[in-house]
């Protein structure tokens, strides 16, 4: 081996420094060939997860497009009978916020800190749990947290839905989207099975004194001046086809269901007399389609 530029220096060759050309492709061995080893999270495992997630998302989109979205009535902030409910995947958070330690003075903990810890832990799970084992029973900490989280989510979701059903039963409320769908189906059958809307009932005898009394009564707050109703209350147009004068008076005096309390005494406190209420009820009984 030469160390200078002298022409008479002896050169000694050690081995063959030439790089041999490889004729076979170097194919890395699969991870299964190494006992105790797992697949690299980035990019191998993450890419597979993205592909599976894309397939699931396409399946969900197909299911969503098959059925139209259930629609209720237009939003009305004055409708106190309406029970707001989030989508099913947020029911567990909705139920969680009903507890005293996650609402009121602790609402920041229930809406920001606790969800942040849960979702933050989920995002950091691949970096916090670096165990080489793939069987769940050899990873007790991660498996225990996962199982407890799953049980808690299912329990809160079921509890939220059951509480909602009990509220509907106690208050005798039909959800708006169901009620509206029933009305559409009834209108469809009444119209010969077509989707054309049935002819709406008209306001009858607008010049009647009972109409002016109706405008002053408490009825107008829910059933509207034009009798088309608001706040999810039933419309009074065509009510004469369903109830007689005596039946309407009984509803005014005794109420009907949980959402229609008695209004007779309330109207008398507003200054209406018995004769005026009778005139108003007589006018309501005239509201017929024909």
Protein backbone atom coordinates (compact mmCIF):
# COMPACT_ATOMS: atom_id res chain seq x y z
CA UNK A 1 0.00 0.00 0.00
CA UNK A 2 1.61 3.28 -1.10
CA UNK A 3 2.00 6.20 1.35
CA UNK A 4 3.64 8.77 -0.91
CA UNK A 5 4.54 9.77 -4.44
CA UNK A 6 7.89 8.03 -4.71
CA UNK A 7 8.19 5.94 -7.82
CA UNK A 8 10.36 3.33 -6.17
CA UNK A 9 8.02 2.77 -3.23
CA UNK A 10 6.81 -0.79 -2.90
CA UNK A 11 3.08 -1.22 -3.27
CA UNK A 12 1.35 -3.99 -1.36
CA UNK A 13 -2.30 -4.86 -2.29
CA UNK A 14 -4.52 -5.97 0.61
CA UNK A 15 -7.59 -7.86 -0.60
CA UNK A 16 -9.73 -6.97 -3.58
CA UNK A 17 -11.35 -3.52 -3.27
CA UNK A 18 -13.50 -3.93 -6.33
CA UNK A 19 -17.30 -3.94 -5.69
CA UNK A 20 -18.94 -7.01 -7.09
CA UNK A 21 -22.06 -6.58 -9.15
CA UNK A 22 -25.11 -8.22 -7.60
CA UNK A 23 -27.16 -10.34 -9.97
CA UNK A 24 -30.05 -11.01 -7.56
CA UNK A 25 -32.52 -8.46 -6.20
CA UNK A 26 -32.30 -7.75 -2.50
CA UNK A 27 -35.82 -8.42 -1.21
CA UNK A 28 -36.21 -7.60 2.49
CA UNK A 29 -37.61 -10.34 4.65
CA UNK A 30 -41.15 -10.02 5.96
CA UNK A 31 -41.67 -8.87 9.54
CA UNK A 32 -43.12 -12.25 10.41
CA UNK A 33 -39.67 -13.75 9.85
CA UNK A 34 -38.37 -11.93 12.91
CA UNK A 35 -39.83 -13.31 16.17
CA UNK A 36 -41.10 -10.63 18.53
CA UNK A 37 -40.94 -7.93 15.87
CA UNK A 38 -43.91 -5.84 14.68
CA UNK A 39 -44.61 -3.87 11.57
CA UNK A 40 -43.43 -0.27 11.35
CA UNK A 41 -46.23 2.13 12.27
CA UNK A 42 -45.12 4.79 9.77
CA UNK A 43 -45.72 4.33 6.89
CA UNK A 44 -46.65 0.61 6.63
CA UNK A 45 -49.32 0.21 9.30
CA UNK A 46 -50.67 3.76 8.92
CA UNK A 47 -51.13 3.32 5.18
CA UNK A 48 -53.15 0.13 5.71
CA UNK A 49 -55.33 1.91 8.27
CA UNK A 50 -56.00 4.74 5.85
CA UNK A 51 -57.02 2.28 3.15
CA UNK A 52 -59.43 0.48 5.50
CA UNK A 53 -60.80 3.83 6.70
CA UNK A 54 -61.44 4.93 3.11
CA UNK A 55 -63.38 1.73 2.35
CA UNK A 56 -65.50 2.14 5.51
CA UNK A 57 -66.16 5.80 4.68
CA UNK A 58 -67.38 4.88 1.18
CA UNK A 59 -69.70 2.27 2.72
CA UNK A 60 -71.14 4.84 5.14
CA UNK A 61 -71.68 7.32 2.31
CA UNK A 62 -73.57 4.69 0.33
CA UNK A 63 -75.85 4.00 3.32
CA UNK A 64 -76.42 7.72 3.85
CA UNK A 65 -77.45 8.25 0.22
CA UNK A 66 -79.98 5.42 0.35
CA UNK A 67 -82.31 7.14 2.82
CA UNK A 68 -83.22 10.85 2.97
CA UNK A 69 -82.31 12.75 6.09
CA UNK A 70 -85.18 12.93 8.64
CA UNK A 71 -86.39 16.51 8.81
CA UNK A 72 -88.52 18.07 11.49
CA UNK A 73 -90.32 21.40 11.48
CA UNK A 74 -88.45 24.70 11.07
CA UNK A 75 -86.52 25.65 14.20
CA UNK A 76 -88.56 27.59 16.72
CA UNK A 77 -86.81 28.90 19.85
CA UNK A 78 -90.21 29.42 21.51
CA UNK A 79 -91.08 25.73 21.33
CA UNK A 80 -90.47 24.58 24.90
CA UNK A 81 -91.75 21.06 24.17
CA UNK A 82 -88.89 20.30 21.77
CA UNK A 83 -86.20 17.99 23.18
CA UNK A 84 -82.85 18.57 21.43
CA UNK A 85 -80.82 15.46 20.69
CA UNK A 86 -77.39 15.18 19.04
CA UNK A 87 -76.43 12.55 16.48
CA UNK A 88 -75.91 9.03 17.81
CA UNK A 89 -72.12 9.25 17.82
CA UNK A 90 -72.28 12.19 20.27
CA UNK A 91 -74.85 10.68 22.63
CA UNK A 92 -72.19 9.58 25.11
CA UNK A 93 -70.87 13.16 25.39
CA UNK A 94 -74.46 14.46 25.67
CA UNK A 95 -75.09 12.11 28.59
CA UNK A 96 -71.74 12.93 30.18
CA UNK A 97 -72.65 16.63 30.31
CA UNK A 98 -75.77 15.83 32.36
CA UNK A 99 -73.73 14.86 35.40
CA UNK A 100 -72.95 17.53 38.02
CA UNK A 101 -69.17 17.08 37.85
CA UNK A 102 -69.09 17.80 34.10
CA UNK A 103 -71.64 20.63 33.89
CA UNK A 104 -72.45 23.87 35.64
CA UNK A 105 -69.31 25.17 37.31
CA UNK A 106 -67.35 22.23 35.86
CA UNK A 107 -68.55 22.62 32.26
CA UNK A 108 -65.01 23.45 31.06
CA UNK A 109 -63.83 20.14 32.49
CA UNK A 110 -66.66 18.24 30.77
CA UNK A 111 -66.48 19.96 27.39
CA UNK A 112 -62.77 20.68 26.96
CA UNK A 113 -60.40 19.05 29.43
CA UNK A 114 -61.86 15.54 29.65
CA UNK A 115 -62.48 15.09 25.88
CA UNK A 116 -59.04 16.57 25.22
CA UNK A 117 -57.41 13.99 27.48
CA UNK A 118 -59.35 11.13 25.90
CA UNK A 119 -58.75 12.04 22.27
CA UNK A 120 -55.23 13.22 22.99
CA UNK A 121 -54.44 9.86 24.59
CA UNK A 122 -55.90 8.11 21.56
CA UNK A 123 -53.65 10.06 19.21
CA UNK A 124 -50.58 9.43 21.34
CA UNK A 125 -51.32 5.73 21.91
CA UNK A 126 -48.93 4.46 19.20
CA UNK A 127 -46.11 6.47 20.72
CA UNK A 128 -46.88 5.78 24.39
CA UNK A 129 -47.41 2.03 24.05
CA UNK A 130 -44.24 0.74 22.39
CA UNK A 131 -44.63 -2.89 23.40
CA UNK A 132 -43.50 -5.39 20.78
CA UNK A 133 -46.27 -7.85 21.65
CA UNK A 134 -49.38 -7.90 19.52
CA UNK A 135 -51.63 -10.04 21.73
CA UNK A 136 -53.90 -7.94 23.88
CA UNK A 137 -53.34 -9.96 27.06
CA UNK A 138 -49.61 -9.20 26.88
CA UNK A 139 -50.35 -5.49 26.85
CA UNK A 140 -52.45 -5.14 30.02
CA UNK A 141 -52.33 -1.36 30.41
CA UNK A 142 -53.37 -0.49 26.87
CA UNK A 143 -55.95 -3.28 26.75
CA UNK A 144 -57.50 -2.28 30.09
CA UNK A 145 -57.81 1.36 29.05
CA UNK A 146 -59.35 0.35 25.73
CA UNK A 147 -61.92 -1.99 27.31
CA UNK A 148 -62.91 0.52 30.01
CA UNK A 149 -63.29 3.29 27.42
CA UNK A 150 -65.44 1.05 25.23
CA UNK A 151 -67.68 0.02 28.15
CA UNK A 152 -68.06 3.64 29.30
CA UNK A 153 -68.96 4.85 25.80
CA UNK A 154 -71.57 2.13 25.30
CA UNK A 155 -73.07 2.70 28.75
CA UNK A 156 -73.34 6.48 28.28
CA UNK A 157 -74.84 6.08 24.80
CA UNK A 158 -77.50 3.61 25.98
CA UNK A 159 -78.28 5.69 29.08
CA UNK A 160 -78.71 8.83 26.97
CA UNK A 161 -81.06 7.12 24.52
CA UNK A 162 -83.16 5.51 27.29
CA UNK A 163 -83.46 8.84 29.10
CA UNK A 164 -84.66 10.44 25.85
CA UNK A 165 -87.29 7.73 25.37
CA UNK A 166 -88.54 8.20 28.94
CA UNK A 167 -88.84 11.96 28.36
CA UNK A 168 -90.91 11.38 25.22
CA UNK A 169 -93.20 8.98 27.12
CA UNK A 170 -93.62 11.20 30.18
CA UNK A 171 -94.37 14.33 28.14
CA UNK A 172 -96.40 12.48 25.50
CA UNK A 173 -94.27 13.93 22.72
CA UNK A 174 -93.86 12.52 19.22
CA UNK A 175 -90.46 13.45 17.71
CA UNK A 176 -90.87 16.08 15.02
CA UNK A 177 -89.25 14.09 12.22
CA UNK A 178 -91.57 11.14 12.92
CA UNK A 179 -94.63 13.36 13.20
CA UNK A 180 -93.80 15.16 9.97
CA UNK A 181 -93.19 11.88 8.15
CA UNK A 182 -96.56 10.57 9.36
CA UNK A 183 -98.24 13.73 8.13
CA UNK A 184 -96.58 13.36 4.73
CA UNK A 185 -97.67 9.73 4.49
CA UNK A 186 -101.21 10.62 5.51
CA UNK A 187 -101.33 13.39 2.93
CA UNK A 188 -99.98 11.00 0.32
CA UNK A 189 -102.69 8.40 0.97
CA UNK A 190 -105.39 11.05 1.14
CA UNK A 191 -104.24 12.32 -2.24
CA UNK A 192 -104.59 8.98 -4.02
CA UNK A 193 -101.10 7.70 -3.33
CA UNK A 194 -99.35 10.54 -5.14
CA UNK A 195 -96.71 12.86 -3.77
CA UNK A 196 -98.70 15.94 -4.73
CA UNK A 197 -99.68 17.92 -1.64
CA UNK A 198 -103.35 17.81 -0.73
CA UNK A 199 -105.32 21.01 -0.98
CA UNK A 200 -104.87 22.96 2.24
CA UNK A 201 -107.89 23.99 4.25
CA UNK A 202 -108.76 27.67 3.99
CA UNK A 203 -109.49 30.12 6.75
CA UNK A 204 -113.28 30.34 7.08
CA UNK A 205 -115.36 33.38 8.08
CA UNK A 206 -112.58 35.89 8.66
CA UNK A 207 -115.18 38.63 9.14
CA UNK A 208 -116.73 36.71 12.07
CA UNK A 209 -116.39 38.40 15.52
CA UNK A 210 -114.98 35.14 16.82
CA UNK A 211 -111.86 35.66 14.68
CA UNK A 212 -111.11 38.98 16.39
CA UNK A 213 -111.59 37.35 19.78
CA UNK A 214 -109.28 34.52 18.74
CA UNK A 215 -106.53 37.04 17.99
CA UNK A 216 -106.71 38.24 21.61
CA UNK A 217 -106.79 34.74 23.16
CA UNK A 218 -103.85 32.65 24.28
CA UNK A 219 -104.53 30.19 21.42
CA UNK A 220 -102.78 32.47 18.95
CA UNK A 221 -99.39 32.00 20.65
CA UNK A 222 -99.18 28.37 19.49
CA UNK A 223 -101.69 28.07 16.66
CA UNK A 224 -100.79 31.38 14.94
CA UNK A 225 -103.09 34.09 13.61
CA UNK A 226 -103.65 32.23 10.33
CA UNK A 227 -104.40 28.94 12.20
CA UNK A 228 -101.47 27.22 10.46
CA UNK A 229 -99.79 26.77 13.84
CA UNK A 230 -96.19 27.11 14.96
CA UNK A 231 -93.88 25.61 17.57
CA UNK A 232 -94.91 22.12 16.47
CA UNK A 233 -98.53 22.64 17.60
CA UNK A 234 -101.36 21.22 15.44
CA UNK A 235 -102.94 23.51 12.86
CA UNK A 236 -106.51 24.59 13.52
CA UNK A 237 -107.54 24.92 9.90
CA UNK A 238 -110.16 22.29 9.28
CA UNK A 239 -110.58 21.59 13.01
CA UNK A 240 -114.36 21.69 12.53
CA UNK A 241 -114.08 18.46 10.52
CA UNK A 242 -112.48 16.71 13.50
CA UNK A 243 -114.23 18.21 16.54
CA UNK A 244 -117.64 19.63 17.28
CA UNK A 245 -118.18 22.88 19.16
CA UNK A 246 -118.71 21.02 22.45
CA UNK A 247 -115.50 19.02 21.95
CA UNK A 248 -113.49 22.17 21.19
CA UNK A 249 -114.92 23.84 24.31
CA UNK A 250 -113.94 20.77 26.34
CA UNK A 251 -110.37 21.05 25.04
CA UNK A 252 -110.28 24.76 25.96
CA UNK A 253 -111.57 24.00 29.47
CA UNK A 254 -109.74 20.75 30.26
CA UNK A 255 -106.82 20.67 27.81
CA UNK A 256 -105.69 17.62 25.87
CA UNK A 257 -102.45 15.67 26.26
CA UNK A 258 -99.32 16.96 27.95
CA UNK A 259 -98.67 19.81 25.51
CA UNK A 260 -102.14 21.39 25.59
CA UNK A 261 -103.11 22.50 29.11
CA UNK A 262 -106.48 24.06 29.94
CA UNK A 263 -106.80 27.63 28.60
CA UNK A 264 -110.26 28.69 29.79
CA UNK A 265 -109.24 30.33 33.07
CA UNK A 266 -106.11 31.80 31.51
CA UNK A 267 -108.19 33.55 28.85
CA UNK A 268 -110.60 34.86 31.45
CA UNK A 269 -107.65 36.37 33.32
CA UNK A 270 -106.74 38.14 30.08
CA UNK A 271 -110.16 39.83 30.13
CA UNK A 272 -112.22 37.58 27.89
CA UNK A 273 -115.77 36.87 29.04
CA UNK A 274 -117.64 33.59 28.90
CA UNK A 275 -119.68 34.89 25.98
CA UNK A 276 -116.56 35.89 24.06
CA UNK A 277 -114.94 32.50 24.59
CA UNK A 278 -118.16 30.85 23.43
CA UNK A 279 -118.16 33.05 20.29
CA UNK A 280 -114.56 32.14 19.60
CA UNK A 281 -115.22 28.40 19.99
CA UNK A 282 -118.26 28.71 17.70
CA UNK A 283 -116.05 30.31 15.07
CA UNK A 284 -113.41 27.57 15.44
CA UNK A 285 -116.11 24.95 14.87
CA UNK A 286 -116.81 26.60 11.51
CA UNK A 287 -113.28 25.87 10.29
CA UNK A 288 -114.03 23.11 7.81
CA UNK A 289 -112.53 22.19 4.48
CA UNK A 290 -115.92 22.14 2.79
